[in-house]
PDB file of N, CA and C in Angstrom:
ATOM      1  N   MET A   1      61.998  -8.260 -17.517  1.00  0.00           N
ATOM      2  CA  MET A   1      62.827  -7.211 -18.077  1.00  0.00           C
ATOM      3  C   MET A   1      64.235  -7.764 -18.335  1.00  0.00           C
ATOM      4  N   THR A   2      64.883  -7.185 -19.311  1.00  0.00           N
ATOM      5  CA  THR A   2      66.286  -7.471 -19.590  1.00  0.00           C
ATOM      6  C   THR A   2      66.943  -6.172 -20.049  1.00  0.00           C
ATOM      7  N   TYR A   3      68.232  -6.165 -20.086  1.00  0.00           N
ATOM      8  CA  TYR A   3      68.975  -5.026 -20.620  1.00  0.00           C
ATOM      9  C   TYR A   3      69.549  -5.417 -21.969  1.00  0.00           C
ATOM     10  N   VAL A   4      69.683  -4.446 -22.856  1.00  0.00           N
ATOM     11  CA  VAL A   4      70.245  -4.682 -24.178  1.00  0.00           C
ATOM     12  C   VAL A   4      71.193  -3.544 -24.536  1.00  0.00           C
ATOM     13  N   VAL A   5      72.082  -3.841 -25.453  1.00  0.00           N
ATOM     14  CA  VAL A   5      73.000  -2.834 -25.970  1.00  0.00           C
ATOM     15  C   VAL A   5      72.370  -2.249 -27.227  1.00  0.00           C
ATOM     16  N   THR A   6      72.436  -0.934 -27.364  1.00  0.00           N
ATOM     17  CA  THR A   6      71.822  -0.236 -28.496  1.00  0.00           C
ATOM     18  C   THR A   6      72.880   0.406 -29.395  1.00  0.00           C
ATOM     19  N   ASP A   7      72.401   1.153 -30.353  1.00  0.00           N
ATOM     20  CA  ASP A   7      73.196   1.815 -31.385  1.00  0.00           C
ATOM     21  C   ASP A   7      74.406   2.591 -30.845  1.00  0.00           C
ATOM     22  N   ASN A   8      74.283   3.156 -29.655  1.00  0.00           N
ATOM     23  CA  ASN A   8      75.363   3.996 -29.117  1.00  0.00           C
ATOM     24  C   ASN A   8      76.681   3.257 -28.932  1.00  0.00           C
ATOM     25  N   CYS A   9      76.633   1.938 -28.810  1.00  0.00           N
ATOM     26  CA  CYS A   9      77.862   1.154 -28.611  1.00  0.00           C
ATOM     27  C   CYS A   9      78.660   0.995 -29.908  1.00  0.00           C
ATOM     28  N   ILE A  10      77.980   0.966 -31.021  1.00  0.00           N
ATOM     29  CA  ILE A  10      78.623   0.691 -32.307  1.00  0.00           C
ATOM     30  C   ILE A  10      79.671   1.758 -32.629  1.00  0.00           C
ATOM     31  N   ALA A  11      80.852   1.304 -33.014  1.00  0.00           N
ATOM     32  CA  ALA A  11      81.995   2.153 -33.361  1.00  0.00           C
ATOM     33  C   ALA A  11      82.624   2.825 -32.142  1.00  0.00           C
ATOM     34  N   CYS A  12      82.198   2.460 -30.948  1.00  0.00           N
ATOM     35  CA  CYS A  12      82.837   2.928 -29.713  1.00  0.00           C
ATOM     36  C   CYS A  12      83.393   1.730 -28.944  1.00  0.00           C
ATOM     37  N   LYS A  13      82.489   0.806 -28.607  1.00  0.00           N
ATOM     38  CA  LYS A  13      82.793  -0.443 -27.910  1.00  0.00           C
ATOM     39  C   LYS A  13      83.574  -0.222 -26.616  1.00  0.00           C
ATOM     40  N   TYR A  14      82.983   0.596 -25.744  1.00  0.00           N
ATOM     41  CA  TYR A  14      83.515   0.684 -24.388  1.00  0.00           C
ATOM     42  C   TYR A  14      83.182  -0.637 -23.706  1.00  0.00           C
ATOM     43  N   THR A  15      84.088  -1.158 -22.919  1.00  0.00           N
ATOM     44  CA  THR A  15      83.860  -2.468 -22.301  1.00  0.00           C
ATOM     45  C   THR A  15      83.854  -2.403 -20.776  1.00  0.00           C
ATOM     46  N   ASP A  16      83.658  -1.239 -20.223  1.00  0.00           N
ATOM     47  CA  ASP A  16      83.602  -1.088 -18.766  1.00  0.00           C
ATOM     48  C   ASP A  16      82.517  -1.992 -18.166  1.00  0.00           C
ATOM     49  N   CYS A  17      81.471  -2.210 -18.921  1.00  0.00           N
ATOM     50  CA  CYS A  17      80.308  -2.968 -18.479  1.00  0.00           C
ATOM     51  C   CYS A  17      80.587  -4.447 -18.251  1.00  0.00           C
ATOM     52  N   VAL A  18      81.487  -5.020 -19.010  1.00  0.00           N
ATOM     53  CA  VAL A  18      81.649  -6.475 -18.975  1.00  0.00           C
ATOM     54  C   VAL A  18      82.220  -6.978 -17.653  1.00  0.00           C
ATOM     55  N   GLU A  19      83.044  -6.178 -17.020  1.00  0.00           N
ATOM     56  CA  GLU A  19      83.672  -6.631 -15.775  1.00  0.00           C
ATOM     57  C   GLU A  19      82.727  -6.617 -14.582  1.00  0.00           C
ATOM     58  N   VAL A  20      81.659  -5.851 -14.644  1.00  0.00           N
ATOM     59  CA  VAL A  20      80.724  -5.803 -13.508  1.00  0.00           C
ATOM     60  C   VAL A  20      79.581  -6.797 -13.651  1.00  0.00           C
ATOM     61  N   CYS A  21      79.443  -7.410 -14.802  1.00  0.00           N
ATOM     62  CA  CYS A  21      78.334  -8.337 -15.043  1.00  0.00           C
ATOM     63  C   CYS A  21      78.527  -9.622 -14.228  1.00  0.00           C
ATOM     64  N   PRO A  22      77.591  -9.935 -13.328  1.00  0.00           N
ATOM     65  CA  PRO A  22      77.757 -11.132 -12.497  1.00  0.00           C
ATOM     66  C   PRO A  22      77.483 -12.448 -13.225  1.00  0.00           C
ATOM     67  N   VAL A  23      76.890 -12.393 -14.420  1.00  0.00           N
ATOM     68  CA  VAL A  23      76.566 -13.628 -15.150  1.00  0.00           C
ATOM     69  C   VAL A  23      77.265 -13.739 -16.503  1.00  0.00           C
ATOM     70  N   ASP A  24      78.176 -12.819 -16.795  1.00  0.00           N
ATOM     71  CA  ASP A  24      78.984 -12.875 -18.028  1.00  0.00           C
ATOM     72  C   ASP A  24      78.122 -13.032 -19.279  1.00  0.00           C
ATOM     73  N   CYS A  25      77.145 -12.152 -19.448  1.00  0.00           N
ATOM     74  CA  CYS A  25      76.225 -12.270 -20.587  1.00  0.00           C
ATOM     75  C   CYS A  25      76.535 -11.308 -21.733  1.00  0.00           C
ATOM     76  N   PHE A  26      77.754 -10.747 -21.758  1.00  0.00           N
ATOM     77  CA  PHE A  26      78.156  -9.870 -22.857  1.00  0.00           C
ATOM     78  C   PHE A  26      78.913 -10.662 -23.917  1.00  0.00           C
ATOM     79  N   TYR A  27      78.692 -10.262 -25.177  1.00  0.00           N
ATOM     80  CA  TYR A  27      79.341 -10.909 -26.314  1.00  0.00           C
ATOM     81  C   TYR A  27      79.932  -9.829 -27.192  1.00  0.00           C
ATOM     82  N   GLU A  28      81.083 -10.148 -27.817  1.00  0.00           N
ATOM     83  CA  GLU A  28      81.857  -9.135 -28.517  1.00  0.00           C
ATOM     84  C   GLU A  28      81.885  -9.314 -30.022  1.00  0.00           C
ATOM     85  N   GLY A  29      81.485  -8.244 -30.704  1.00  0.00           N
ATOM     86  CA  GLY A  29      81.662  -8.158 -32.141  1.00  0.00           C
ATOM     87  C   GLY A  29      82.883  -7.313 -32.448  1.00  0.00           C
ATOM     88  N   GLU A  30      83.185  -7.203 -33.707  1.00  0.00           N
ATOM     89  CA  GLU A  30      84.345  -6.421 -34.139  1.00  0.00           C
ATOM     90  C   GLU A  30      84.270  -4.973 -33.655  1.00  0.00           C
ATOM     91  N   ASN A  31      83.066  -4.372 -33.705  1.00  0.00           N
ATOM     92  CA  ASN A  31      82.971  -2.968 -33.299  1.00  0.00           C
ATOM     93  C   ASN A  31      81.772  -2.661 -32.399  1.00  0.00           C
ATOM     94  N   ALA A  32      81.288  -3.680 -31.679  1.00  0.00           N
ATOM     95  CA  ALA A  32      80.169  -3.473 -30.760  1.00  0.00           C
ATOM     96  C   ALA A  32      80.080  -4.644 -29.787  1.00  0.00           C
ATOM     97  N   LEU A  33      79.297  -4.446 -28.752  1.00  0.00           N
ATOM     98  CA  LEU A  33      78.978  -5.494 -27.792  1.00  0.00           C
ATOM     99  C   LEU A  33      77.480  -5.747 -27.838  1.00  0.00           C
ATOM    100  N   VAL A  34      77.066  -6.910 -27.373  1.00  0.00           N
ATOM    101  CA  VAL A  34      75.648  -7.204 -27.170  1.00  0.00           C
ATOM    102  C   VAL A  34      75.508  -7.953 -25.846  1.00  0.00           C
ATOM    103  N   ILE A  35      74.290  -7.958 -25.329  1.00  0.00           N
ATOM    104  CA  ILE A  35      73.928  -8.711 -24.128  1.00  0.00           C
ATOM    105  C   ILE A  35      72.984  -9.820 -24.571  1.00  0.00           C
ATOM    106  N   HIS A  36      73.234 -11.036 -24.107  1.00  0.00           N
ATOM    107  CA  HIS A  36      72.279 -12.113 -24.422  1.00  0.00           C
ATOM    108  C   HIS A  36      71.061 -11.909 -23.522  1.00  0.00           C
ATOM    109  N   PRO A  37      69.909 -11.562 -24.103  1.00  0.00           N
ATOM    110  CA  PRO A  37      68.740 -11.242 -23.284  1.00  0.00           C
ATOM    111  C   PRO A  37      68.213 -12.422 -22.468  1.00  0.00           C
ATOM    112  N   ASP A  38      68.524 -13.647 -22.875  1.00  0.00           N
ATOM    113  CA  ASP A  38      68.063 -14.810 -22.111  1.00  0.00           C
ATOM    114  C   ASP A  38      69.004 -15.142 -20.956  1.00  0.00           C
ATOM    115  N   GLU A  39      70.183 -14.555 -20.943  1.00  0.00           N
ATOM    116  CA  GLU A  39      71.148 -14.788 -19.866  1.00  0.00           C
ATOM    117  C   GLU A  39      71.175 -13.647 -18.855  1.00  0.00           C
ATOM    118  N   CYS A  40      70.773 -12.461 -19.274  1.00  0.00           N
ATOM    119  CA  CYS A  40      70.761 -11.286 -18.404  1.00  0.00           C
ATOM    120  C   CYS A  40      69.798 -11.522 -17.239  1.00  0.00           C
ATOM    121  N   ILE A  41      70.255 -11.202 -16.026  1.00  0.00           N
ATOM    122  CA  ILE A  41      69.403 -11.388 -14.845  1.00  0.00           C
ATOM    123  C   ILE A  41      68.763 -10.074 -14.395  1.00  0.00           C
ATOM    124  N   ASP A  42      68.844  -9.063 -15.227  1.00  0.00           N
ATOM    125  CA  ASP A  42      68.166  -7.785 -14.987  1.00  0.00           C
ATOM    126  C   ASP A  42      68.662  -7.046 -13.748  1.00  0.00           C
ATOM    127  N   CYS A  43      69.910  -7.248 -13.387  1.00  0.00           N
ATOM    128  CA  CYS A  43      70.432  -6.591 -12.187  1.00  0.00           C
ATOM    129  C   CYS A  43      70.711  -5.109 -12.425  1.00  0.00           C
ATOM    130  N   GLY A  44      71.036  -4.737 -13.655  1.00  0.00           N
ATOM    131  CA  GLY A  44      71.249  -3.336 -13.996  1.00  0.00           C
ATOM    132  C   GLY A  44      72.593  -2.749 -13.618  1.00  0.00           C
ATOM    133  N   VAL A  45      73.523  -3.542 -13.104  1.00  0.00           N
ATOM    134  CA  VAL A  45      74.812  -2.967 -12.704  1.00  0.00           C
ATOM    135  C   VAL A  45      75.638  -2.488 -13.890  1.00  0.00           C
ATOM    136  N   CYS A  46      75.377  -3.020 -15.067  1.00  0.00           N
ATOM    137  CA  CYS A  46      76.138  -2.622 -16.253  1.00  0.00           C
ATOM    138  C   CYS A  46      75.727  -1.252 -16.792  1.00  0.00           C
ATOM    139  N   GLU A  47      74.466  -0.920 -16.648  1.00  0.00           N
ATOM    140  CA  GLU A  47      73.937   0.306 -17.271  1.00  0.00           C
ATOM    141  C   GLU A  47      74.709   1.564 -16.887  1.00  0.00           C
ATOM    142  N   PRO A  48      74.959   1.834 -15.604  1.00  0.00           N
ATOM    143  CA  PRO A  48      75.695   3.068 -15.271  1.00  0.00           C
ATOM    144  C   PRO A  48      77.177   3.025 -15.630  1.00  0.00           C
ATOM    145  N   GLU A  49      77.703   1.844 -15.938  1.00  0.00           N
ATOM    146  CA  GLU A  49      79.118   1.712 -16.289  1.00  0.00           C
ATOM    147  C   GLU A  49      79.413   2.112 -17.726  1.00  0.00           C
ATOM    148  N   CYS A  50      78.385   2.218 -18.570  1.00  0.00           N
ATOM    149  CA  CYS A  50      78.590   2.502 -19.989  1.00  0.00           C
ATOM    150  C   CYS A  50      78.741   4.002 -20.239  1.00  0.00           C
ATOM    151  N   PRO A  51      79.939   4.459 -20.636  1.00  0.00           N
ATOM    152  CA  PRO A  51      80.138   5.881 -20.896  1.00  0.00           C
ATOM    153  C   PRO A  51      79.322   6.400 -22.082  1.00  0.00           C
ATOM    154  N   ALA A  52      78.912   5.513 -22.977  1.00  0.00           N
ATOM    155  CA  ALA A  52      78.158   5.928 -24.168  1.00  0.00           C
ATOM    156  C   ALA A  52      76.645   5.847 -23.958  1.00  0.00           C
ATOM    157  N   ASP A  53      76.202   5.448 -22.769  1.00  0.00           N
ATOM    158  CA  ASP A  53      74.772   5.293 -22.483  1.00  0.00           C
ATOM    159  C   ASP A  53      74.109   4.370 -23.505  1.00  0.00           C
ATOM    160  N   ALA A  54      74.789   3.285 -23.820  1.00  0.00           N
ATOM    161  CA  ALA A  54      74.295   2.351 -24.843  1.00  0.00           C
ATOM    162  C   ALA A  54      73.481   1.202 -24.268  1.00  0.00           C
ATOM    163  N   ILE A  55      73.499   1.014 -22.964  1.00  0.00           N
ATOM    164  CA  ILE A  55      72.781  -0.098 -22.344  1.00  0.00           C
ATOM    165  C   ILE A  55      71.451   0.420 -21.808  1.00  0.00           C
ATOM    166  N   ARG A  56      70.386  -0.170 -22.311  1.00  0.00           N
ATOM    167  CA  ARG A  56      69.041   0.300 -21.969  1.00  0.00           C
ATOM    168  C   ARG A  56      68.161  -0.878 -21.568  1.00  0.00           C
ATOM    169  N   PRO A  57      67.168  -0.645 -20.702  1.00  0.00           N
ATOM    170  CA  PRO A  57      66.222  -1.717 -20.370  1.00  0.00           C
ATOM    171  C   PRO A  57      65.251  -1.945 -21.519  1.00  0.00           C
ATOM    172  N   ASP A  58      64.823  -3.173 -21.675  1.00  0.00           N
ATOM    173  CA  ASP A  58      63.905  -3.487 -22.777  1.00  0.00           C
ATOM    174  C   ASP A  58      62.494  -2.948 -22.553  1.00  0.00           C
ATOM    175  N   THR A  59      62.263  -2.336 -21.414  1.00  0.00           N
ATOM    176  CA  THR A  59      60.951  -1.747 -21.126  1.00  0.00           C
ATOM    177  C   THR A  59      60.786  -0.368 -21.753  1.00  0.00           C
ATOM    178  N   GLU A  60      61.844   0.193 -22.283  1.00  0.00           N
ATOM    179  CA  GLU A  60      61.740   1.481 -22.973  1.00  0.00           C
ATOM    180  C   GLU A  60      61.035   1.278 -24.313  1.00  0.00           C
ATOM    181  N   PRO A  61      60.432   2.324 -24.861  1.00  0.00           N
ATOM    182  CA  PRO A  61      59.730   2.191 -26.146  1.00  0.00           C
ATOM    183  C   PRO A  61      60.640   1.720 -27.281  1.00  0.00           C
ATOM    184  N   ASP A  62      60.080   0.921 -28.170  1.00  0.00           N
ATOM    185  CA  ASP A  62      60.754   0.476 -29.393  1.00  0.00           C
ATOM    186  C   ASP A  62      62.024  -0.342 -29.152  1.00  0.00           C
ATOM    187  N   MET A  63      62.035  -1.134 -28.104  1.00  0.00           N
ATOM    188  CA  MET A  63      63.215  -1.945 -27.801  1.00  0.00           C
ATOM    189  C   MET A  63      63.139  -3.368 -28.352  1.00  0.00           C
ATOM    190  N   ASP A  64      62.001  -3.805 -28.853  1.00  0.00           N
ATOM    191  CA  ASP A  64      61.885  -5.178 -29.362  1.00  0.00           C
ATOM    192  C   ASP A  64      62.937  -5.484 -30.423  1.00  0.00           C
ATOM    193  N   GLU A  65      63.167  -4.539 -31.307  1.00  0.00           N
ATOM    194  CA  GLU A  65      64.165  -4.723 -32.362  1.00  0.00           C
ATOM    195  C   GLU A  65      65.567  -4.922 -31.778  1.00  0.00           C
ATOM    196  N   TRP A  66      65.895  -4.166 -30.725  1.00  0.00           N
ATOM    197  CA  TRP A  66      67.209  -4.292 -30.107  1.00  0.00           C
ATOM    198  C   TRP A  66      67.347  -5.592 -29.320  1.00  0.00           C
ATOM    199  N   VAL A  67      66.258  -6.066 -28.737  1.00  0.00           N
ATOM    200  CA  VAL A  67      66.298  -7.360 -28.040  1.00  0.00           C
ATOM    201  C   VAL A  67      66.663  -8.452 -29.037  1.00  0.00           C
ATOM    202  N   GLU A  68      66.026  -8.454 -30.186  1.00  0.00           N
ATOM    203  CA  GLU A  68      66.317  -9.473 -31.207  1.00  0.00           C
ATOM    204  C   GLU A  68      67.716  -9.309 -31.789  1.00  0.00           C
ATOM    205  N   PHE A  69      68.142  -8.080 -31.986  1.00  0.00           N
ATOM    206  CA  PHE A  69      69.500  -7.798 -32.462  1.00  0.00           C
ATOM    207  C   PHE A  69      70.524  -8.377 -31.483  1.00  0.00           C
ATOM    208  N   ASN A  70      70.345  -8.095 -30.188  1.00  0.00           N
ATOM    209  CA  ASN A  70      71.256  -8.604 -29.165  1.00  0.00           C
ATOM    210  C   ASN A  70      71.241 -10.128 -29.125  1.00  0.00           C
ATOM    211  N   ARG A  71      70.062 -10.730 -29.185  1.00  0.00           N
ATOM    212  CA  ARG A  71      69.961 -12.199 -29.148  1.00  0.00           C
ATOM    213  C   ARG A  71      70.703 -12.820 -30.341  1.00  0.00           C
ATOM    214  N   LYS A  72      70.461 -12.278 -31.520  1.00  0.00           N
ATOM    215  CA  LYS A  72      71.070 -12.827 -32.738  1.00  0.00           C
ATOM    216  C   LYS A  72      72.593 -12.866 -32.639  1.00  0.00           C
ATOM    217  N   TYR A  73      73.198 -11.748 -32.260  1.00  0.00           N
ATOM    218  CA  TYR A  73      74.657 -11.687 -32.254  1.00  0.00           C
ATOM    219  C   TYR A  73      75.267 -12.343 -31.020  1.00  0.00           C
ATOM    220  N   ALA A  74      74.537 -12.384 -29.907  1.00  0.00           N
ATOM    221  CA  ALA A  74      75.039 -13.089 -28.722  1.00  0.00           C
ATOM    222  C   ALA A  74      75.182 -14.579 -28.985  1.00  0.00           C
ATOM    223  N   GLU A  75      74.395 -15.087 -29.901  1.00  0.00           N
ATOM    224  CA  GLU A  75      74.447 -16.511 -30.208  1.00  0.00           C
ATOM    225  C   GLU A  75      75.572 -16.880 -31.179  1.00  0.00           C
ATOM    226  N   ILE A  76      76.205 -15.869 -31.803  1.00  0.00           N
ATOM    227  CA  ILE A  76      77.281 -16.186 -32.752  1.00  0.00           C
ATOM    228  C   ILE A  76      78.627 -15.531 -32.402  1.00  0.00           C
ATOM    229  N   TRP A  77      78.620 -14.523 -31.544  1.00  0.00           N
ATOM    230  CA  TRP A  77      79.867 -13.857 -31.155  1.00  0.00           C
ATOM    231  C   TRP A  77      80.436 -14.486 -29.890  1.00  0.00           C
ATOM    232  N   PRO A  78      81.754 -14.327 -29.654  1.00  0.00           N
ATOM    233  CA  PRO A  78      82.366 -14.874 -28.437  1.00  0.00           C
ATOM    234  C   PRO A  78      82.033 -14.046 -27.197  1.00  0.00           C
ATOM    235  N   ASN A  79      82.022 -14.735 -26.085  1.00  0.00           N
ATOM    236  CA  ASN A  79      81.784 -14.108 -24.784  1.00  0.00           C
ATOM    237  C   ASN A  79      82.959 -13.210 -24.424  1.00  0.00           C
ATOM    238  N   ILE A  80      82.675 -12.088 -23.764  1.00  0.00           N
ATOM    239  CA  ILE A  80      83.722 -11.180 -23.288  1.00  0.00           C
ATOM    240  C   ILE A  80      83.470 -10.888 -21.815  1.00  0.00           C
ATOM    241  N   VAL A  81      84.507 -11.032 -21.001  1.00  0.00           N
ATOM    242  CA  VAL A  81      84.395 -10.795 -19.561  1.00  0.00           C
ATOM    243  C   VAL A  81      85.475  -9.855 -19.037  1.00  0.00           C
ATOM    244  N   THR A  82      86.430  -9.501 -19.887  1.00  0.00           N
ATOM    245  CA  THR A  82      87.554  -8.658 -19.478  1.00  0.00           C
ATOM    246  C   THR A  82      87.510  -7.324 -20.211  1.00  0.00           C
ATOM    247  N   ARG A  83      87.694  -6.252 -19.473  1.00  0.00           N
ATOM    248  CA  ARG A  83      87.686  -4.909 -20.055  1.00  0.00           C
ATOM    249  C   ARG A  83      88.844  -4.756 -21.040  1.00  0.00           C
ATOM    250  N   LYS A  84      88.556  -4.076 -22.146  1.00  0.00           N
ATOM    251  CA  LYS A  84      89.559  -3.742 -23.161  1.00  0.00           C
ATOM    252  C   LYS A  84      89.455  -2.249 -23.453  1.00  0.00           C
ATOM    253  N   ASP A  85      90.438  -1.713 -24.129  1.00  0.00           N
ATOM    254  CA  ASP A  85      90.375  -0.312 -24.535  1.00  0.00           C
ATOM    255  C   ASP A  85      89.264  -0.127 -25.561  1.00  0.00           C
ATOM    256  N   PRO A  86      88.603   1.036 -25.548  1.00  0.00           N
ATOM    257  CA  PRO A  86      87.598   1.296 -26.578  1.00  0.00           C
ATOM    258  C   PRO A  86      88.246   1.426 -27.950  1.00  0.00           C
ATOM    259  N   LEU A  87      87.427   1.434 -28.973  1.00  0.00           N
ATOM    260  CA  LEU A  87      87.937   1.601 -30.327  1.00  0.00           C
ATOM    261  C   LEU A  87      88.586   2.979 -30.475  1.00  0.00           C
ATOM    262  N   PRO A  88      89.577   3.112 -31.353  1.00  0.00           N
ATOM    263  CA  PRO A  88      90.281   4.388 -31.506  1.00  0.00           C
ATOM    264  C   PRO A  88      89.360   5.559 -31.842  1.00  0.00           C
ATOM    265  N   GLU A  89      88.281   5.292 -32.573  1.00  0.00           N
ATOM    266  CA  GLU A  89      87.371   6.374 -32.962  1.00  0.00           C
ATOM    267  C   GLU A  89      86.240   6.599 -31.966  1.00  0.00           C
ATOM    268  N   ALA A  90      86.314   5.986 -30.789  1.00  0.00           N
ATOM    269  CA  ALA A  90      85.216   6.047 -29.819  1.00  0.00           C
ATOM    270  C   ALA A  90      84.828   7.479 -29.444  1.00  0.00           C
ATOM    271  N   ALA A  91      85.776   8.306 -29.108  1.00  0.00           N
ATOM    272  CA  ALA A  91      85.457   9.678 -28.698  1.00  0.00           C
ATOM    273  C   ALA A  91      84.777  10.447 -29.834  1.00  0.00           C
ATOM    274  N   GLU A  92      85.233  10.229 -31.034  1.00  0.00           N
ATOM    275  CA  GLU A  92      84.669  10.911 -32.207  1.00  0.00           C
ATOM    276  C   GLU A  92      83.256  10.430 -32.532  1.00  0.00           C
ATOM    277  N   ARG A  93      82.995   9.136 -32.364  1.00  0.00           N
ATOM    278  CA  ARG A  93      81.703   8.537 -32.734  1.00  0.00           C
ATOM    279  C   ARG A  93      80.672   8.541 -31.602  1.00  0.00           C
ATOM    280  N   ASP A  94      81.105   8.772 -30.369  1.00  0.00           N
ATOM    281  CA  ASP A  94      80.207   8.738 -29.218  1.00  0.00           C
ATOM    282  C   ASP A  94      79.055   9.732 -29.400  1.00  0.00           C
ATOM    283  N   GLY A  95      77.834   9.218 -29.316  1.00  0.00           N
ATOM    284  CA  GLY A  95      76.651  10.058 -29.435  1.00  0.00           C
ATOM    285  C   GLY A  95      76.164  10.281 -30.855  1.00  0.00           C
ATOM    286  N   GLU A  96      76.874   9.796 -31.833  1.00  0.00           N
ATOM    287  CA  GLU A  96      76.475   9.948 -33.233  1.00  0.00           C
ATOM    288  C   GLU A  96      75.216   9.115 -33.507  1.00  0.00           C
ATOM    289  N   ALA A  97      74.293   9.651 -34.231  1.00  0.00           N
ATOM    290  CA  ALA A  97      73.047   8.939 -34.551  1.00  0.00           C
ATOM    291  C   ALA A  97      73.230   8.034 -35.762  1.00  0.00           C
ATOM    292  N   GLY A  98      72.432   6.973 -35.821  1.00  0.00           N
ATOM    293  CA  GLY A  98      72.396   6.100 -36.989  1.00  0.00           C
ATOM    294  C   GLY A  98      73.638   5.263 -37.203  1.00  0.00           C
ATOM    295  N   LYS A  99      74.320   4.905 -36.151  1.00  0.00           N
ATOM    296  CA  LYS A  99      75.587   4.179 -36.304  1.00  0.00           C
ATOM    297  C   LYS A  99      75.412   2.755 -36.833  1.00  0.00           C
ATOM    298  N   ARG A 100      74.286   2.126 -36.565  1.00  0.00           N
ATOM    299  CA  ARG A 100      74.104   0.758 -37.056  1.00  0.00           C
ATOM    300  C   ARG A 100      74.135   0.723 -38.581  1.00  0.00           C
ATOM    301  N   ASP A 101      73.474   1.666 -39.212  1.00  0.00           N
ATOM    302  CA  ASP A 101      73.450   1.711 -40.677  1.00  0.00           C
ATOM    303  C   ASP A 101      74.795   2.147 -41.267  1.00  0.00           C
ATOM    304  N   LYS A 102      75.548   2.949 -40.539  1.00  0.00           N
ATOM    305  CA  LYS A 102      76.807   3.482 -41.057  1.00  0.00           C
ATOM    306  C   LYS A 102      78.008   2.586 -40.808  1.00  0.00           C
ATOM    307  N   TYR A 103      78.085   1.995 -39.607  1.00  0.00           N
ATOM    308  CA  TYR A 103      79.335   1.366 -39.189  1.00  0.00           C
ATOM    309  C   TYR A 103      79.253  -0.092 -38.748  1.00  0.00           C
ATOM    310  N   PHE A 104      78.085  -0.609 -38.465  1.00  0.00           N
ATOM    311  CA  PHE A 104      77.984  -1.926 -37.840  1.00  0.00           C
ATOM    312  C   PHE A 104      78.639  -3.025 -38.668  1.00  0.00           C
ATOM    313  N   SER A 105      79.418  -3.865 -37.987  1.00  0.00           N
ATOM    314  CA  SER A 105      80.055  -5.014 -38.593  1.00  0.00           C
ATOM    315  C   SER A 105      79.518  -6.276 -37.932  1.00  0.00           C
ATOM    316  N   GLU A 106      79.138  -7.273 -38.723  1.00  0.00           N
ATOM    317  CA  GLU A 106      78.674  -8.546 -38.184  1.00  0.00           C
ATOM    318  C   GLU A 106      79.833  -9.446 -37.760  1.00  0.00           C
ATOM    319  N   ALA A 107      81.043  -9.058 -38.079  1.00  0.00           N
ATOM    320  CA  ALA A 107      82.218  -9.870 -37.745  1.00  0.00           C
ATOM    321  C   ALA A 107      82.362 -10.017 -36.236  1.00  0.00           C
ATOM    322  N   PRO A 108      82.748 -11.190 -35.777  1.00  0.00           N
ATOM    323  CA  PRO A 108      82.950 -11.386 -34.341  1.00  0.00           C
ATOM    324  C   PRO A 108      84.203 -10.663 -33.851  1.00  0.00           C
ATOM    325  N   GLY A 109      84.213 -10.383 -32.563  1.00  0.00           N
ATOM    326  CA  GLY A 109      85.411  -9.853 -31.916  1.00  0.00           C
ATOM    327  C   GLY A 109      86.270 -11.017 -31.447  1.00  0.00           C
ATOM    328  N   GLU A 110      87.236 -10.711 -30.612  1.00  0.00           N
ATOM    329  CA  GLU A 110      88.151 -11.732 -30.103  1.00  0.00           C
ATOM    330  C   GLU A 110      87.618 -12.437 -28.862  1.00  0.00           C
ATOM    331  N   GLY A 111      86.703 -11.770 -28.136  1.00  0.00           N
ATOM    332  CA  GLY A 111      86.230 -12.317 -26.877  1.00  0.00           C
ATOM    333  C   GLY A 111      87.326 -12.228 -25.831  1.00  0.00           C
ATOM    334  N   GLY A 112      87.067 -12.856 -24.703  1.00  0.00           N
ATOM    335  CA  GLY A 112      88.108 -12.882 -23.669  1.00  0.00           C
ATOM    336  C   GLY A 112      87.681 -12.330 -22.351  1.00  0.00           C
TER     337      GLY A 112
END
């Protein structure tokens, strides 16, 4: 099992999760985070830290696509280990459906 970041993170990018990760497997895009599924040790400490409920185990239905999405961007985005403020539109976008098609940016974040 591994954990992955899903659609709920896009356009919110809460980073509470990155500081509790014992293996630093989070990577930062311009408007989302991902978890490298090959680095995640399945401890689950990040999942309850996400205010947007965007971190899910890959054992849930239809997660294969999200595992590959996380792997792809974890390999090109910078690592993030320090909490940052969420995006300005986070409260407005939290819980909105279909955010990947509407808002997702492939651009890397700053990391840190």
